[in-house]
Amino acid sequence: MTEKISLPHPLTVSRWKEEKVIKWLKRVNLEDCIPAFEIRHIDGPKLLELTEQKLFTYQDLKIKHRK
């Protein structure tokens, strides 16, 4: 079963710069995603638009198996 990762309120996230997204990735133990997010300059608005399907198109994204 996949653990759902929650975000703060969308209005808050929509104001995030790339650096805040990176801090959030670290806080939710998704450090392995940081390089792919940095390359794509994922900020708050882009993060809110990401879907699971979109993430699977990122061939350089190495997601570890999560319990």
PDB file of N, CA and C in Angstrom:
ATOM      1  N   MET A   1       0.835  -1.175   0.000  1.00  0.00           N
ATOM      2  CA  MET A   1       0.000   0.000   0.000  1.00  0.00           C
ATOM      3  C   MET A   1       0.885   1.246   0.000  1.00  0.00           C
ATOM      4  N   THR A   2       0.565   2.216  -0.827  1.00  0.00           N
ATOM      5  CA  THR A   2       1.340   3.430  -0.945  1.00  0.00           C
ATOM      6  C   THR A   2       0.859   4.454   0.066  1.00  0.00           C
ATOM      7  N   GLU A   3       1.822   5.060   0.728  1.00  0.00           N
ATOM      8  CA  GLU A   3       1.500   6.089   1.703  1.00  0.00           C
ATOM      9  C   GLU A   3       1.218   7.392   0.975  1.00  0.00           C
ATOM     10  N   LYS A   4       0.109   8.041   1.332  1.00  0.00           N
ATOM     11  CA  LYS A   4      -0.237   9.308   0.706  1.00  0.00           C
ATOM     12  C   LYS A   4       0.543  10.422   1.397  1.00  0.00           C
ATOM     13  N   ILE A   5       1.146  11.277   0.604  1.00  0.00           N
ATOM     14  CA  ILE A   5       1.922  12.397   1.126  1.00  0.00           C
ATOM     15  C   ILE A   5       1.055  13.638   1.028  1.00  0.00           C
ATOM     16  N   SER A   6       0.888  14.297   2.152  1.00  0.00           N
ATOM     17  CA  SER A   6       0.017  15.462   2.143  1.00  0.00           C
ATOM     18  C   SER A   6       0.808  16.751   1.994  1.00  0.00           C
ATOM     19  N   LEU A   7       0.166  17.689   1.376  1.00  0.00           N
ATOM     20  CA  LEU A   7       0.704  19.033   1.200  1.00  0.00           C
ATOM     21  C   LEU A   7      -0.065  19.989   2.101  1.00  0.00           C
ATOM     22  N   PRO A   8       0.548  21.099   2.453  1.00  0.00           N
ATOM     23  CA  PRO A   8      -0.217  22.142   3.124  1.00  0.00           C
ATOM     24  C   PRO A   8      -1.311  22.660   2.187  1.00  0.00           C
ATOM     25  N   HIS A   9      -2.077  23.589   2.644  1.00  0.00           N
ATOM     26  CA  HIS A   9      -3.168  24.169   1.859  1.00  0.00           C
ATOM     27  C   HIS A   9      -2.639  24.641   0.494  1.00  0.00           C
ATOM     28  N   PRO A  10      -3.391  24.401  -0.586  1.00  0.00           N
ATOM     29  CA  PRO A  10      -2.933  24.796  -1.924  1.00  0.00           C
ATOM     30  C   PRO A  10      -2.561  26.277  -2.056  1.00  0.00           C
ATOM     31  N   LEU A  11      -3.260  27.147  -1.350  1.00  0.00           N
ATOM     32  CA  LEU A  11      -2.925  28.572  -1.422  1.00  0.00           C
ATOM     33  C   LEU A  11      -1.520  28.816  -0.887  1.00  0.00           C
ATOM     34  N   THR A  12      -1.164  28.100   0.165  1.00  0.00           N
ATOM     35  CA  THR A  12       0.184  28.210   0.728  1.00  0.00           C
ATOM     36  C   THR A  12       1.212  27.669  -0.259  1.00  0.00           C
ATOM     37  N   VAL A  13       0.960  26.489  -0.791  1.00  0.00           N
ATOM     38  CA  VAL A  13       1.892  25.851  -1.723  1.00  0.00           C
ATOM     39  C   VAL A  13       2.055  26.686  -2.994  1.00  0.00           C
ATOM     40  N   SER A  14       1.000  27.329  -3.433  1.00  0.00           N
ATOM     41  CA  SER A  14       1.071  28.119  -4.667  1.00  0.00           C
ATOM     42  C   SER A  14       2.057  29.275  -4.554  1.00  0.00           C
ATOM     43  N   ARG A  15       2.440  29.625  -3.344  1.00  0.00           N
ATOM     44  CA  ARG A  15       3.394  30.722  -3.130  1.00  0.00           C
ATOM     45  C   ARG A  15       4.833  30.230  -2.953  1.00  0.00           C
ATOM     46  N   TRP A  16       5.019  28.927  -2.938  1.00  0.00           N
ATOM     47  CA  TRP A  16       6.353  28.367  -2.714  1.00  0.00           C
ATOM     48  C   TRP A  16       7.265  28.625  -3.903  1.00  0.00           C
ATOM     49  N   LYS A  17       8.499  28.948  -3.596  1.00  0.00           N
ATOM     50  CA  LYS A  17       9.566  29.014  -4.596  1.00  0.00           C
ATOM     51  C   LYS A  17      10.211  27.618  -4.635  1.00  0.00           C
ATOM     52  N   GLU A  18      11.101  27.413  -5.574  1.00  0.00           N
ATOM     53  CA  GLU A  18      11.753  26.106  -5.734  1.00  0.00           C
ATOM     54  C   GLU A  18      12.421  25.640  -4.439  1.00  0.00           C
ATOM     55  N   GLU A  19      13.059  26.570  -3.725  1.00  0.00           N
ATOM     56  CA  GLU A  19      13.771  26.209  -2.499  1.00  0.00           C
ATOM     57  C   GLU A  19      12.828  25.623  -1.441  1.00  0.00           C
ATOM     58  N   LYS A  20      11.639  26.146  -1.355  1.00  0.00           N
ATOM     59  CA  LYS A  20      10.665  25.651  -0.379  1.00  0.00           C
ATOM     60  C   LYS A  20      10.185  24.251  -0.764  1.00  0.00           C
ATOM     61  N   VAL A  21      10.030  24.003  -2.060  1.00  0.00           N
ATOM     62  CA  VAL A  21       9.643  22.668  -2.524  1.00  0.00           C
ATOM     63  C   VAL A  21      10.727  21.666  -2.129  1.00  0.00           C
ATOM     64  N   ILE A  22      11.996  22.047  -2.293  1.00  0.00           N
ATOM     65  CA  ILE A  22      13.106  21.161  -1.928  1.00  0.00           C
ATOM     66  C   ILE A  22      13.079  20.871  -0.430  1.00  0.00           C
ATOM     67  N   LYS A  23      12.844  21.888   0.378  1.00  0.00           N
ATOM     68  CA  LYS A  23      12.755  21.687   1.833  1.00  0.00           C
ATOM     69  C   LYS A  23      11.614  20.733   2.174  1.00  0.00           C
ATOM     70  N   TRP A  24      10.498  20.881   1.480  1.00  0.00           N
ATOM     71  CA  TRP A  24       9.348  20.003   1.726  1.00  0.00           C
ATOM     72  C   TRP A  24       9.678  18.559   1.329  1.00  0.00           C
ATOM     73  N   LEU A  25      10.352  18.383   0.191  1.00  0.00           N
ATOM     74  CA  LEU A  25      10.750  17.033  -0.231  1.00  0.00           C
ATOM     75  C   LEU A  25      11.612  16.367   0.834  1.00  0.00           C
ATOM     76  N   LYS A  26      12.521  17.129   1.404  1.00  0.00           N
ATOM     77  CA  LYS A  26      13.364  16.584   2.474  1.00  0.00           C
ATOM     78  C   LYS A  26      12.525  16.218   3.693  1.00  0.00           C
ATOM     79  N   ARG A  27      11.580  17.077   4.058  1.00  0.00           N
ATOM     80  CA  ARG A  27      10.750  16.842   5.247  1.00  0.00           C
ATOM     81  C   ARG A  27       9.890  15.582   5.104  1.00  0.00           C
ATOM     82  N   VAL A  28       9.463  15.280   3.884  1.00  0.00           N
ATOM     83  CA  VAL A  28       8.609  14.103   3.671  1.00  0.00           C
ATOM     84  C   VAL A  28       9.417  12.905   3.155  1.00  0.00           C
ATOM     85  N   ASN A  29      10.737  12.974   3.349  1.00  0.00           N
ATOM     86  CA  ASN A  29      11.638  11.870   2.994  1.00  0.00           C
ATOM     87  C   ASN A  29      11.619  11.497   1.514  1.00  0.00           C
ATOM     88  N   LEU A  30      11.585  12.511   0.667  1.00  0.00           N
ATOM     89  CA  LEU A  30      11.632  12.286  -0.776  1.00  0.00           C
ATOM     90  C   LEU A  30      12.887  12.919  -1.380  1.00  0.00           C
ATOM     91  N   GLU A  31      13.994  12.816  -0.640  1.00  0.00           N
ATOM     92  CA  GLU A  31      15.245  13.409  -1.098  1.00  0.00           C
ATOM     93  C   GLU A  31      15.677  12.875  -2.457  1.00  0.00           C
ATOM     94  N   ASP A  32      15.335  11.640  -2.756  1.00  0.00           N
ATOM     95  CA  ASP A  32      15.726  11.044  -4.036  1.00  0.00           C
ATOM     96  C   ASP A  32      15.056  11.730  -5.228  1.00  0.00           C
ATOM     97  N   CYS A  33      14.024  12.505  -4.989  1.00  0.00           N
ATOM     98  CA  CYS A  33      13.322  13.221  -6.059  1.00  0.00           C
ATOM     99  C   CYS A  33      13.915  14.606  -6.330  1.00  0.00           C
ATOM    100  N   ILE A  34      14.764  15.080  -5.440  1.00  0.00           N
ATOM    101  CA  ILE A  34      15.268  16.448  -5.534  1.00  0.00           C
ATOM    102  C   ILE A  34      15.951  16.749  -6.874  1.00  0.00           C
ATOM    103  N   PRO A  35      16.874  15.919  -7.360  1.00  0.00           N
ATOM    104  CA  PRO A  35      17.520  16.262  -8.644  1.00  0.00           C
ATOM    105  C   PRO A  35      16.521  16.457  -9.788  1.00  0.00           C
ATOM    106  N   ALA A  36      15.532  15.590  -9.892  1.00  0.00           N
ATOM    107  CA  ALA A  36      14.544  15.705 -10.969  1.00  0.00           C
ATOM    108  C   ALA A  36      13.712  16.977 -10.826  1.00  0.00           C
ATOM    109  N   PHE A  37      13.406  17.346  -9.587  1.00  0.00           N
ATOM    110  CA  PHE A  37      12.637  18.570  -9.354  1.00  0.00           C
ATOM    111  C   PHE A  37      13.480  19.805  -9.648  1.00  0.00           C
ATOM    112  N   GLU A  38      14.761  19.756  -9.286  1.00  0.00           N
ATOM    113  CA  GLU A  38      15.640  20.899  -9.544  1.00  0.00           C
ATOM    114  C   GLU A  38      15.827  21.124 -11.043  1.00  0.00           C
ATOM    115  N   ILE A  39      16.033  20.061 -11.790  1.00  0.00           N
ATOM    116  CA  ILE A  39      16.217  20.174 -13.244  1.00  0.00           C
ATOM    117  C   ILE A  39      15.004  20.827 -13.890  1.00  0.00           C
ATOM    118  N   ARG A  40      13.831  20.501 -13.391  1.00  0.00           N
ATOM    119  CA  ARG A  40      12.574  21.010 -13.975  1.00  0.00           C
ATOM    120  C   ARG A  40      12.086  22.301 -13.316  1.00  0.00           C
ATOM    121  N   HIS A  41      12.840  22.800 -12.353  1.00  0.00           N
ATOM    122  CA  HIS A  41      12.484  24.042 -11.650  1.00  0.00           C
ATOM    123  C   HIS A  41      11.059  23.985 -11.104  1.00  0.00           C
ATOM    124  N   ILE A  42      10.781  22.905 -10.373  1.00  0.00           N
ATOM    125  CA  ILE A  42       9.446  22.720  -9.810  1.00  0.00           C
ATOM    126  C   ILE A  42       9.273  23.649  -8.611  1.00  0.00           C
ATOM    127  N   ASP A  43       8.376  24.597  -8.757  1.00  0.00           N
ATOM    128  CA  ASP A  43       8.021  25.483  -7.656  1.00  0.00           C
ATOM    129  C   ASP A  43       6.628  25.078  -7.161  1.00  0.00           C
ATOM    130  N   GLY A  44       6.062  25.856  -6.283  1.00  0.00           N
ATOM    131  CA  GLY A  44       4.754  25.507  -5.725  1.00  0.00           C
ATOM    132  C   GLY A  44       3.654  25.316  -6.760  1.00  0.00           C
ATOM    133  N   PRO A  45       3.458  26.289  -7.661  1.00  0.00           N
ATOM    134  CA  PRO A  45       2.404  26.113  -8.669  1.00  0.00           C
ATOM    135  C   PRO A  45       2.600  24.858  -9.531  1.00  0.00           C
ATOM    136  N   LYS A  46       3.852  24.590  -9.920  1.00  0.00           N
ATOM    137  CA  LYS A  46       4.107  23.386 -10.724  1.00  0.00           C
ATOM    138  C   LYS A  46       3.872  22.122  -9.900  1.00  0.00           C
ATOM    139  N   LEU A  47       4.235  22.169  -8.616  1.00  0.00           N
ATOM    140  CA  LEU A  47       4.012  21.019  -7.740  1.00  0.00           C
ATOM    141  C   LEU A  47       2.528  20.693  -7.645  1.00  0.00           C
ATOM    142  N   LEU A  48       1.706  21.708  -7.541  1.00  0.00           N
ATOM    143  CA  LEU A  48       0.255  21.498  -7.447  1.00  0.00           C
ATOM    144  C   LEU A  48      -0.324  20.877  -8.714  1.00  0.00           C
ATOM    145  N   GLU A  49       0.329  21.095  -9.844  1.00  0.00           N
ATOM    146  CA  GLU A  49      -0.150  20.556 -11.115  1.00  0.00           C
ATOM    147  C   GLU A  49       0.353  19.148 -11.402  1.00  0.00           C
ATOM    148  N   LEU A  50       1.352  18.686 -10.644  1.00  0.00           N
ATOM    149  CA  LEU A  50       1.917  17.360 -10.901  1.00  0.00           C
ATOM    150  C   LEU A  50       0.914  16.252 -10.606  1.00  0.00           C
ATOM    151  N   THR A  51       0.889  15.293 -11.482  1.00  0.00           N
ATOM    152  CA  THR A  51       0.068  14.105 -11.278  1.00  0.00           C
ATOM    153  C   THR A  51       0.995  12.895 -11.242  1.00  0.00           C
ATOM    154  N   GLU A  52       0.486  11.798 -10.770  1.00  0.00           N
ATOM    155  CA  GLU A  52       1.269  10.569 -10.752  1.00  0.00           C
ATOM    156  C   GLU A  52       1.687  10.198 -12.175  1.00  0.00           C
ATOM    157  N   GLN A  53       0.777  10.363 -13.122  1.00  0.00           N
ATOM    158  CA  GLN A  53       1.082  10.053 -14.524  1.00  0.00           C
ATOM    159  C   GLN A  53       2.236  10.916 -15.027  1.00  0.00           C
ATOM    160  N   LYS A  54       2.220  12.192 -14.686  1.00  0.00           N
ATOM    161  CA  LYS A  54       3.284  13.097 -15.125  1.00  0.00           C
ATOM    162  C   LYS A  54       4.619  12.675 -14.522  1.00  0.00           C
ATOM    163  N   LEU A  55       4.620  12.304 -13.249  1.00  0.00           N
ATOM    164  CA  LEU A  55       5.857  11.880 -12.596  1.00  0.00           C
ATOM    165  C   LEU A  55       6.467  10.663 -13.290  1.00  0.00           C
ATOM    166  N   PHE A  56       5.621   9.756 -13.758  1.00  0.00           N
ATOM    167  CA  PHE A  56       6.133   8.561 -14.435  1.00  0.00           C
ATOM    168  C   PHE A  56       6.782   8.879 -15.779  1.00  0.00           C
ATOM    169  N   THR A  57       6.527  10.074 -16.323  1.00  0.00           N
ATOM    170  CA  THR A  57       7.179  10.457 -17.574  1.00  0.00           C
ATOM    171  C   THR A  57       8.586  10.987 -17.338  1.00  0.00           C
ATOM    172  N   TYR A  58       8.927  11.282 -16.103  1.00  0.00           N
ATOM    173  CA  TYR A  58      10.266  11.769 -15.760  1.00  0.00           C
ATOM    174  C   TYR A  58      11.193  10.574 -15.654  1.00  0.00           C
ATOM    175  N   GLN A  59      11.860  10.244 -16.730  1.00  0.00           N
ATOM    176  CA  GLN A  59      12.673   9.037 -16.772  1.00  0.00           C
ATOM    177  C   GLN A  59      13.876   9.093 -15.843  1.00  0.00           C
ATOM    178  N   ASP A  60      14.305  10.299 -15.481  1.00  0.00           N
ATOM    179  CA  ASP A  60      15.436  10.431 -14.570  1.00  0.00           C
ATOM    180  C   ASP A  60      15.014  10.381 -13.106  1.00  0.00           C
ATOM    181  N   LEU A  61      13.745  10.302 -12.839  1.00  0.00           N
ATOM    182  CA  LEU A  61      13.242  10.279 -11.469  1.00  0.00           C
ATOM    183  C   LEU A  61      13.382   8.872 -10.902  1.00  0.00           C
ATOM    184  N   LYS A  62      14.170   8.769  -9.879  1.00  0.00           N
ATOM    185  CA  LYS A  62      14.401   7.486  -9.236  1.00  0.00           C
ATOM    186  C   LYS A  62      13.636   7.473  -7.915  1.00  0.00           C
ATOM    187  N   ILE A  63      12.499   6.832  -7.916  1.00  0.00           N
ATOM    188  CA  ILE A  63      11.696   6.766  -6.706  1.00  0.00           C
ATOM    189  C   ILE A  63      11.938   5.420  -6.041  1.00  0.00           C
ATOM    190  N   LYS A  64      12.393   5.490  -4.831  1.00  0.00           N
ATOM    191  CA  LYS A  64      12.631   4.263  -4.064  1.00  0.00           C
ATOM    192  C   LYS A  64      11.295   3.674  -3.637  1.00  0.00           C
ATOM    193  N   HIS A  65      11.288   2.372  -3.446  1.00  0.00           N
ATOM    194  CA  HIS A  65      10.088   1.713  -2.941  1.00  0.00           C
ATOM    195  C   HIS A  65       9.781   2.238  -1.544  1.00  0.00           C
ATOM    196  N   ARG A  66       8.581   2.619  -1.309  1.00  0.00           N
ATOM    197  CA  ARG A  66       8.191   3.169  -0.010  1.00  0.00           C
ATOM    198  C   ARG A  66       7.218   2.231   0.676  1.00  0.00           C
ATOM    199  N   LYS A  67       7.393   2.103   1.969  1.00  0.00           N
ATOM    200  CA  LYS A  67       6.521   1.227   2.759  1.00  0.00           C
ATOM    201  C   LYS A  67       5.351   1.991   3.293  1.00  0.00           C
TER     202      LYS A  67
END
